Every structure is written in structure tokens, then in C-alpha cells.
N, C-alpha and C. Protein backbone atom coordinates (compact mmCIF):
# COMPACT_ATOMS: atom_id res chain seq x y z
N MET A 1 -13.32 18.16 16.43
CA MET A 1 -13.53 19.28 17.33
C MET A 1 -13.57 20.57 16.50
N GLU A 2 -14.58 21.38 16.78
CA GLU A 2 -14.71 22.64 16.05
C GLU A 2 -13.63 23.62 16.48
N LEU A 3 -13.31 24.52 15.57
CA LEU A 3 -12.26 25.52 15.82
C LEU A 3 -12.57 26.34 17.07
N MET A 4 -13.84 26.72 17.23
CA MET A 4 -14.19 27.56 18.38
C MET A 4 -14.00 26.82 19.71
N GLN A 5 -14.11 25.49 19.71
CA GLN A 5 -13.93 24.73 20.94
C GLN A 5 -12.45 24.66 21.35
N LEU A 6 -11.56 24.95 20.43
CA LEU A 6 -10.13 24.95 20.74
C LEU A 6 -9.69 26.24 21.43
N HIS A 7 -10.52 27.27 21.37
CA HIS A 7 -10.13 28.56 21.93
C HIS A 7 -9.79 28.50 23.42
N PRO A 8 -10.64 27.93 24.28
CA PRO A 8 -10.30 27.93 25.72
C PRO A 8 -8.97 27.26 26.06
N PRO A 9 -8.68 26.05 25.56
CA PRO A 9 -7.38 25.48 25.95
C PRO A 9 -6.18 26.22 25.35
N ILE A 10 -6.32 26.70 24.14
CA ILE A 10 -5.21 27.42 23.51
C ILE A 10 -4.93 28.73 24.24
N VAL A 11 -6.00 29.40 24.62
CA VAL A 11 -5.86 30.70 25.27
C VAL A 11 -5.14 30.59 26.62
N HIS A 12 -5.30 29.47 27.30
CA HIS A 12 -4.60 29.31 28.58
C HIS A 12 -3.08 29.30 28.38
N PHE A 13 -2.62 28.69 27.30
CA PHE A 13 -1.20 28.72 26.99
C PHE A 13 -0.76 30.13 26.58
N ALA A 14 -1.59 30.82 25.82
CA ALA A 14 -1.27 32.17 25.37
C ALA A 14 -1.14 33.13 26.56
N VAL A 15 -1.83 32.83 27.65
CA VAL A 15 -1.74 33.67 28.86
C VAL A 15 -0.52 33.30 29.70
N VAL A 16 -0.27 32.01 29.88
CA VAL A 16 0.79 31.60 30.81
C VAL A 16 2.19 31.71 30.21
N LEU A 17 2.34 31.51 28.93
CA LEU A 17 3.68 31.52 28.34
C LEU A 17 4.42 32.85 28.50
N PRO A 18 3.77 34.00 28.31
CA PRO A 18 4.50 35.26 28.55
C PRO A 18 4.92 35.42 30.02
N ILE A 19 4.12 34.88 30.93
CA ILE A 19 4.49 34.95 32.35
C ILE A 19 5.74 34.10 32.59
N VAL A 20 5.78 32.93 32.00
CA VAL A 20 6.96 32.06 32.11
C VAL A 20 8.18 32.77 31.51
N ALA A 21 8.01 33.39 30.36
CA ALA A 21 9.12 34.12 29.74
C ALA A 21 9.61 35.24 30.65
N LEU A 22 8.68 35.95 31.27
CA LEU A 22 9.05 37.03 32.18
C LEU A 22 9.85 36.50 33.37
N VAL A 23 9.43 35.38 33.93
CA VAL A 23 10.17 34.78 35.04
C VAL A 23 11.61 34.45 34.62
N PHE A 24 11.76 33.87 33.43
CA PHE A 24 13.11 33.53 32.96
C PHE A 24 13.93 34.79 32.65
N GLU A 25 13.28 35.84 32.16
CA GLU A 25 13.99 37.10 31.93
C GLU A 25 14.51 37.66 33.25
N LEU A 26 13.68 37.63 34.28
CA LEU A 26 14.10 38.14 35.58
C LEU A 26 15.22 37.28 36.17
N LEU A 27 15.11 35.96 35.99
CA LEU A 27 16.19 35.07 36.44
C LEU A 27 17.50 35.39 35.71
N ALA A 28 17.41 35.62 34.41
CA ALA A 28 18.61 35.96 33.62
C ALA A 28 19.23 37.25 34.12
N LEU A 29 18.39 38.21 34.48
CA LEU A 29 18.88 39.50 34.97
C LEU A 29 19.57 39.35 36.32
N VAL A 30 18.97 38.58 37.21
CA VAL A 30 19.49 38.42 38.57
C VAL A 30 20.69 37.46 38.60
N LYS A 31 20.56 36.32 37.94
CA LYS A 31 21.61 35.29 37.99
C LYS A 31 22.73 35.53 36.98
N LYS A 32 22.47 36.43 36.02
CA LYS A 32 23.46 36.72 34.97
C LYS A 32 23.88 35.46 34.22
N ASN A 33 22.88 34.64 33.90
CA ASN A 33 23.13 33.38 33.20
C ASN A 33 22.36 33.42 31.87
N LYS A 34 23.07 33.31 30.78
CA LYS A 34 22.47 33.43 29.44
C LYS A 34 21.44 32.34 29.14
N ILE A 35 21.56 31.19 29.77
CA ILE A 35 20.62 30.10 29.49
C ILE A 35 19.19 30.51 29.82
N TYR A 36 19.02 31.30 30.89
CA TYR A 36 17.67 31.77 31.24
C TYR A 36 17.13 32.70 30.16
N SER A 37 17.98 33.53 29.63
CA SER A 37 17.58 34.43 28.55
C SER A 37 17.22 33.63 27.29
N ASP A 38 17.99 32.59 27.01
CA ASP A 38 17.70 31.74 25.85
C ASP A 38 16.37 31.01 26.01
N ILE A 39 16.10 30.53 27.22
CA ILE A 39 14.82 29.86 27.48
C ILE A 39 13.68 30.85 27.30
N SER A 40 13.87 32.06 27.75
CA SER A 40 12.86 33.11 27.57
C SER A 40 12.60 33.36 26.09
N THR A 41 13.66 33.42 25.30
CA THR A 41 13.52 33.65 23.86
C THR A 41 12.68 32.55 23.21
N VAL A 42 13.01 31.31 23.51
CA VAL A 42 12.25 30.18 22.95
C VAL A 42 10.80 30.23 23.41
N THR A 43 10.59 30.55 24.68
CA THR A 43 9.23 30.64 25.21
C THR A 43 8.44 31.73 24.49
N LEU A 44 9.09 32.84 24.21
CA LEU A 44 8.40 33.93 23.50
C LEU A 44 8.06 33.54 22.06
N ILE A 45 8.93 32.80 21.42
CA ILE A 45 8.65 32.33 20.06
C ILE A 45 7.44 31.39 20.07
N VAL A 46 7.39 30.49 21.03
CA VAL A 46 6.23 29.59 21.17
C VAL A 46 4.98 30.40 21.50
N THR A 47 5.15 31.46 22.29
CA THR A 47 4.02 32.34 22.63
C THR A 47 3.36 32.89 21.37
N VAL A 48 4.16 33.32 20.41
CA VAL A 48 3.61 33.87 19.17
C VAL A 48 2.67 32.87 18.52
N PHE A 49 3.07 31.62 18.44
CA PHE A 49 2.22 30.60 17.82
C PHE A 49 0.91 30.44 18.58
N PHE A 50 0.98 30.43 19.90
CA PHE A 50 -0.25 30.27 20.69
C PHE A 50 -1.13 31.51 20.62
N VAL A 51 -0.53 32.70 20.57
CA VAL A 51 -1.33 33.92 20.47
C VAL A 51 -2.03 33.99 19.11
N VAL A 52 -1.33 33.63 18.06
CA VAL A 52 -1.95 33.60 16.73
C VAL A 52 -3.07 32.56 16.70
N ALA A 53 -2.82 31.38 17.27
CA ALA A 53 -3.86 30.34 17.33
C ALA A 53 -5.04 30.80 18.18
N ALA A 54 -4.77 31.49 19.28
CA ALA A 54 -5.85 32.01 20.13
C ALA A 54 -6.67 33.03 19.36
N PHE A 55 -6.00 33.85 18.56
CA PHE A 55 -6.71 34.85 17.76
C PHE A 55 -7.60 34.17 16.71
N ILE A 56 -7.06 33.19 16.02
CA ILE A 56 -7.83 32.50 14.97
C ILE A 56 -9.03 31.76 15.57
N THR A 57 -8.79 31.03 16.66
CA THR A 57 -9.90 30.30 17.28
C THR A 57 -10.87 31.26 17.95
N GLY A 58 -10.36 32.39 18.44
CA GLY A 58 -11.23 33.41 19.04
C GLY A 58 -12.14 34.05 18.01
N LYS A 59 -11.61 34.26 16.80
CA LYS A 59 -12.46 34.80 15.73
C LYS A 59 -13.61 33.84 15.43
N ALA A 60 -13.30 32.55 15.40
CA ALA A 60 -14.35 31.54 15.14
C ALA A 60 -15.37 31.54 16.27
N ALA A 61 -14.88 31.57 17.51
CA ALA A 61 -15.79 31.56 18.67
C ALA A 61 -16.61 32.85 18.71
N GLY A 62 -15.97 33.96 18.43
CA GLY A 62 -16.67 35.25 18.45
C GLY A 62 -17.73 35.36 17.38
N SER A 63 -17.44 34.80 16.20
CA SER A 63 -18.43 34.83 15.11
C SER A 63 -19.69 34.07 15.49
N GLU A 64 -19.50 32.95 16.20
CA GLU A 64 -20.65 32.14 16.64
C GLU A 64 -21.43 32.87 17.73
N ALA A 65 -20.74 33.56 18.62
CA ALA A 65 -21.37 34.16 19.80
C ALA A 65 -22.02 35.51 19.52
N TYR A 66 -21.48 36.27 18.60
CA TYR A 66 -21.84 37.69 18.44
C TYR A 66 -23.35 37.93 18.36
N ILE A 67 -24.01 37.25 17.47
CA ILE A 67 -25.44 37.54 17.26
C ILE A 67 -26.31 37.14 18.45
N LEU A 68 -25.80 36.26 19.30
CA LEU A 68 -26.56 35.80 20.45
C LEU A 68 -26.35 36.67 21.69
N LEU A 69 -25.40 37.59 21.63
CA LEU A 69 -25.08 38.42 22.78
C LEU A 69 -25.94 39.67 22.85
N SER A 70 -26.09 40.20 24.06
CA SER A 70 -26.76 41.50 24.24
C SER A 70 -25.89 42.58 23.61
N LYS A 71 -26.42 43.77 23.50
CA LYS A 71 -25.67 44.89 22.93
C LYS A 71 -24.37 45.13 23.72
N GLU A 72 -24.48 45.07 25.06
CA GLU A 72 -23.28 45.25 25.89
C GLU A 72 -22.28 44.12 25.66
N GLY A 73 -22.78 42.91 25.53
CA GLY A 73 -21.92 41.75 25.27
C GLY A 73 -21.23 41.88 23.93
N GLN A 74 -21.96 42.38 22.93
CA GLN A 74 -21.36 42.57 21.61
C GLN A 74 -20.24 43.61 21.66
N GLU A 75 -20.47 44.69 22.41
CA GLU A 75 -19.43 45.71 22.55
C GLU A 75 -18.20 45.14 23.25
N GLU A 76 -18.44 44.36 24.30
CA GLU A 76 -17.33 43.71 25.03
C GLU A 76 -16.56 42.78 24.10
N LEU A 77 -17.28 42.03 23.27
CA LEU A 77 -16.63 41.11 22.34
C LEU A 77 -15.78 41.85 21.32
N LEU A 78 -16.27 42.97 20.82
CA LEU A 78 -15.48 43.76 19.86
C LEU A 78 -14.21 44.32 20.51
N GLU A 79 -14.32 44.76 21.77
CA GLU A 79 -13.14 45.24 22.49
C GLU A 79 -12.14 44.09 22.71
N HIS A 80 -12.68 42.92 23.02
CA HIS A 80 -11.85 41.73 23.24
C HIS A 80 -11.11 41.36 21.95
N LYS A 81 -11.80 41.45 20.83
CA LYS A 81 -11.17 41.16 19.54
C LYS A 81 -10.07 42.17 19.23
N ALA A 82 -10.34 43.45 19.51
CA ALA A 82 -9.35 44.50 19.24
C ALA A 82 -8.09 44.28 20.07
N LEU A 83 -8.26 44.01 21.37
CA LEU A 83 -7.08 43.77 22.21
C LEU A 83 -6.35 42.51 21.75
N GLY A 84 -7.10 41.49 21.33
CA GLY A 84 -6.48 40.28 20.80
C GLY A 84 -5.61 40.57 19.58
N THR A 85 -6.09 41.46 18.73
CA THR A 85 -5.32 41.86 17.54
C THR A 85 -4.03 42.55 17.96
N TYR A 86 -4.15 43.49 18.92
CA TYR A 86 -2.96 44.21 19.39
C TYR A 86 -1.96 43.26 20.06
N LEU A 87 -2.47 42.31 20.83
CA LEU A 87 -1.58 41.36 21.50
C LEU A 87 -0.86 40.47 20.49
N MET A 88 -1.55 40.11 19.42
CA MET A 88 -0.93 39.28 18.40
C MET A 88 0.22 40.05 17.73
N ILE A 89 -0.03 41.29 17.37
CA ILE A 89 1.00 42.12 16.75
C ILE A 89 2.15 42.35 17.73
N ALA A 90 1.80 42.65 18.99
CA ALA A 90 2.81 42.92 20.01
C ALA A 90 3.67 41.69 20.29
N SER A 91 3.09 40.49 20.21
CA SER A 91 3.87 39.28 20.48
C SER A 91 4.95 39.09 19.42
N ILE A 92 4.61 39.38 18.18
CA ILE A 92 5.60 39.28 17.09
C ILE A 92 6.69 40.34 17.28
N PHE A 93 6.26 41.57 17.58
CA PHE A 93 7.21 42.65 17.84
C PHE A 93 8.13 42.30 19.01
N MET A 94 7.55 41.68 20.05
CA MET A 94 8.30 41.33 21.25
C MET A 94 9.43 40.35 20.93
N VAL A 95 9.16 39.37 20.08
CA VAL A 95 10.20 38.41 19.70
C VAL A 95 11.31 39.11 18.93
N ILE A 96 10.93 39.96 18.00
CA ILE A 96 11.94 40.71 17.22
C ILE A 96 12.79 41.58 18.15
N LEU A 97 12.12 42.26 19.08
CA LEU A 97 12.83 43.12 20.03
C LEU A 97 13.75 42.29 20.93
N LYS A 98 13.27 41.14 21.39
CA LYS A 98 14.08 40.27 22.26
C LYS A 98 15.35 39.80 21.54
N ILE A 99 15.20 39.40 20.31
CA ILE A 99 16.37 38.95 19.53
C ILE A 99 17.35 40.10 19.31
N ALA A 100 16.82 41.28 19.00
CA ALA A 100 17.68 42.45 18.80
C ALA A 100 18.41 42.82 20.08
N VAL A 101 17.70 42.82 21.20
CA VAL A 101 18.30 43.15 22.49
C VAL A 101 19.38 42.13 22.84
N SER A 102 19.12 40.86 22.57
CA SER A 102 20.11 39.81 22.85
C SER A 102 21.38 40.01 22.04
N LYS A 103 21.22 40.42 20.79
CA LYS A 103 22.40 40.63 19.92
C LYS A 103 23.22 41.83 20.38
N MET A 104 22.55 42.88 20.86
CA MET A 104 23.24 44.11 21.28
C MET A 104 23.90 43.96 22.64
N ASN A 105 23.36 43.10 23.47
CA ASN A 105 23.93 42.81 24.79
C ASN A 105 24.13 44.08 25.63
N ARG A 106 23.10 44.91 25.69
CA ARG A 106 23.12 46.14 26.49
C ARG A 106 22.11 46.01 27.63
N LYS A 107 22.58 46.21 28.85
CA LYS A 107 21.74 46.03 30.03
C LYS A 107 20.54 46.99 30.03
N ALA A 108 20.75 48.23 29.64
CA ALA A 108 19.66 49.22 29.63
C ALA A 108 18.56 48.80 28.66
N LEU A 109 18.94 48.30 27.50
CA LEU A 109 17.95 47.83 26.53
C LEU A 109 17.22 46.60 27.05
N ASN A 110 17.95 45.75 27.74
CA ASN A 110 17.34 44.55 28.31
C ASN A 110 16.30 44.93 29.37
N ILE A 111 16.61 45.91 30.19
CA ILE A 111 15.66 46.36 31.20
C ILE A 111 14.44 46.99 30.54
N LEU A 112 14.65 47.73 29.46
CA LEU A 112 13.54 48.29 28.69
C LEU A 112 12.67 47.17 28.12
N PHE A 113 13.31 46.12 27.61
CA PHE A 113 12.56 44.97 27.09
C PHE A 113 11.75 44.31 28.19
N ILE A 114 12.34 44.14 29.36
CA ILE A 114 11.63 43.52 30.48
C ILE A 114 10.42 44.38 30.89
N ALA A 115 10.58 45.69 30.84
CA ALA A 115 9.45 46.58 31.14
C ALA A 115 8.33 46.38 30.11
N PHE A 116 8.71 46.27 28.85
CA PHE A 116 7.73 46.00 27.79
C PHE A 116 7.04 44.66 28.04
N LEU A 117 7.81 43.66 28.46
CA LEU A 117 7.25 42.34 28.73
C LEU A 117 6.27 42.39 29.90
N PHE A 118 6.58 43.19 30.93
CA PHE A 118 5.63 43.38 32.04
C PHE A 118 4.31 43.95 31.53
N VAL A 119 4.39 44.96 30.66
CA VAL A 119 3.18 45.57 30.10
C VAL A 119 2.41 44.53 29.27
N TYR A 120 3.13 43.76 28.49
CA TYR A 120 2.50 42.72 27.67
C TYR A 120 1.79 41.69 28.55
N VAL A 121 2.45 41.25 29.62
CA VAL A 121 1.83 40.29 30.54
C VAL A 121 0.57 40.90 31.16
N GLY A 122 0.64 42.16 31.56
CA GLY A 122 -0.53 42.83 32.12
C GLY A 122 -1.69 42.89 31.14
N ALA A 123 -1.39 43.22 29.89
CA ALA A 123 -2.43 43.27 28.85
C ALA A 123 -3.00 41.88 28.59
N THR A 124 -2.15 40.87 28.64
CA THR A 124 -2.61 39.49 28.44
C THR A 124 -3.54 39.06 29.57
N LEU A 125 -3.20 39.42 30.80
CA LEU A 125 -4.06 39.08 31.94
C LEU A 125 -5.40 39.82 31.85
N LYS A 126 -5.36 41.07 31.38
CA LYS A 126 -6.62 41.81 31.18
C LYS A 126 -7.47 41.12 30.12
N GLN A 127 -6.81 40.67 29.06
CA GLN A 127 -7.52 39.96 27.98
C GLN A 127 -8.19 38.69 28.52
N GLY A 128 -7.48 37.98 29.38
CA GLY A 128 -8.05 36.78 29.99
C GLY A 128 -9.25 37.11 30.87
N LYS A 129 -9.14 38.19 31.64
CA LYS A 129 -10.26 38.63 32.49
C LYS A 129 -11.46 39.00 31.63
N ASP A 130 -11.21 39.73 30.55
CA ASP A 130 -12.31 40.12 29.65
C ASP A 130 -12.95 38.91 28.99
N GLY A 131 -12.14 37.93 28.61
CA GLY A 131 -12.68 36.70 28.03
C GLY A 131 -13.56 35.96 29.03
N GLY A 132 -13.12 35.92 30.28
CA GLY A 132 -13.92 35.30 31.33
C GLY A 132 -15.24 36.02 31.52
N GLU A 133 -15.23 37.35 31.44
CA GLU A 133 -16.48 38.12 31.55
C GLU A 133 -17.42 37.79 30.40
N LEU A 134 -16.88 37.63 29.21
CA LEU A 134 -17.73 37.27 28.07
C LEU A 134 -18.46 35.95 28.33
N VAL A 135 -17.77 35.01 28.93
CA VAL A 135 -18.38 33.71 29.21
C VAL A 135 -19.31 33.79 30.41
N TYR A 136 -18.82 34.34 31.52
CA TYR A 136 -19.57 34.26 32.78
C TYR A 136 -20.60 35.36 32.97
N GLU A 137 -20.41 36.52 32.35
CA GLU A 137 -21.40 37.59 32.48
C GLU A 137 -22.36 37.65 31.29
N TYR A 138 -21.85 37.34 30.11
CA TYR A 138 -22.67 37.46 28.90
C TYR A 138 -23.01 36.11 28.28
N ALA A 139 -22.53 35.03 28.86
CA ALA A 139 -22.82 33.66 28.41
C ALA A 139 -22.40 33.41 26.96
N ALA A 140 -21.28 34.00 26.56
CA ALA A 140 -20.78 33.78 25.20
C ALA A 140 -20.40 32.31 25.03
N ASN A 141 -20.97 31.69 24.00
CA ASN A 141 -20.71 30.29 23.65
C ASN A 141 -21.00 29.30 24.78
N VAL A 142 -22.01 29.64 25.58
CA VAL A 142 -22.44 28.74 26.65
C VAL A 142 -23.78 28.16 26.24
N GLU A 143 -23.86 26.84 26.25
CA GLU A 143 -25.12 26.19 25.89
C GLU A 143 -26.07 26.22 27.07
N CYS A 144 -27.36 26.35 26.80
CA CYS A 144 -28.37 26.33 27.85
C CYS A 144 -28.51 24.90 28.36
N PRO A 145 -28.63 24.73 29.69
CA PRO A 145 -28.77 23.37 30.23
C PRO A 145 -29.99 22.64 29.69
N GLU A 146 -31.07 23.38 29.39
CA GLU A 146 -32.27 22.70 28.88
C GLU A 146 -32.05 22.11 27.50
N ASP A 147 -30.98 22.52 26.81
CA ASP A 147 -30.67 21.96 25.49
C ASP A 147 -29.98 20.61 25.59
N GLU A 148 -29.49 20.31 26.78
CA GLU A 148 -28.77 19.06 26.95
C GLU A 148 -29.68 17.99 27.54
N ASP A 149 -29.38 16.76 27.25
CA ASP A 149 -30.12 15.65 27.88
C ASP A 149 -29.58 15.48 29.28
N LEU A 150 -30.48 15.56 30.26
CA LEU A 150 -30.04 15.40 31.65
C LEU A 150 -30.33 14.02 32.15
């Protein structure tokens, strides 16, 4: 399987894992149970691996698609790549921040972290929407049906 073909399945994990982490963070806040916070931490660490993998496979997919896209599609792809870069950096920062907040055990810092996680989840969902537009509006990495044997 080519690297670019791995992008769609990997990206689905990169989108859902931060949402799962956010749910566990909120449970930890409401239930005051450290196990939920620990599950969130592990989920965020796994998120980093999937976001990095999504970025690497996205670069491969984007390289294949770029020259075949319209000017507008190319601009959309470059914006998608830029946000992907920021999300990758932010995911690493988020894990470091989560570990630091856990060590300090301060409720105000934890709420600030949860706010950051909400923003991260929002940016991840926007990234997913933009990726869908690349496929469905600009036909990025979509084969023409006439190229296939029917």
C-alpha cells in the first residue's frame, strides 16, 4: 500500500482521538477521578503519533495531488498543509502541557488546558472539513471512473 493511501484511515484516528481525550478530561473534571485524566494523557500521547503519521502521509498525498489540482485547489491544499503543520506542533505542545498541568495539580491550570484542548479539537475538525473539501470539491487523489475497468 502506498503511503498516500494510508492518509484517509490514519487521519480519522487523528481527528477522533483528541475528542476522546477531551471527553475524558471533562469526566475527570466532573467526577474528580484521576483515572480519567490518566486515560486522557495516554490518549493524547497516542494522538501525537497519529497526527505525525497523518502529516507524513498527507505530504505524500498532497505531492501527488498538487499538480493535478486547479489553482483554487492548490491554494486550499497549501492551507491544509499549513494547518496540518500547526496541529502537529500543537499536539506535541499539548502533551507537554498536559503532563505539566498534571504534575502541578492546579484546577485553574487544568481548566486552561481543557480550553486549549477545545480549541485544538475545533482546529482538528476544521482540518477534517478542509480535507473533505479537497477530495469532494477539488477531486484531490480521486481516480476518474473511466480509468477503471467497469
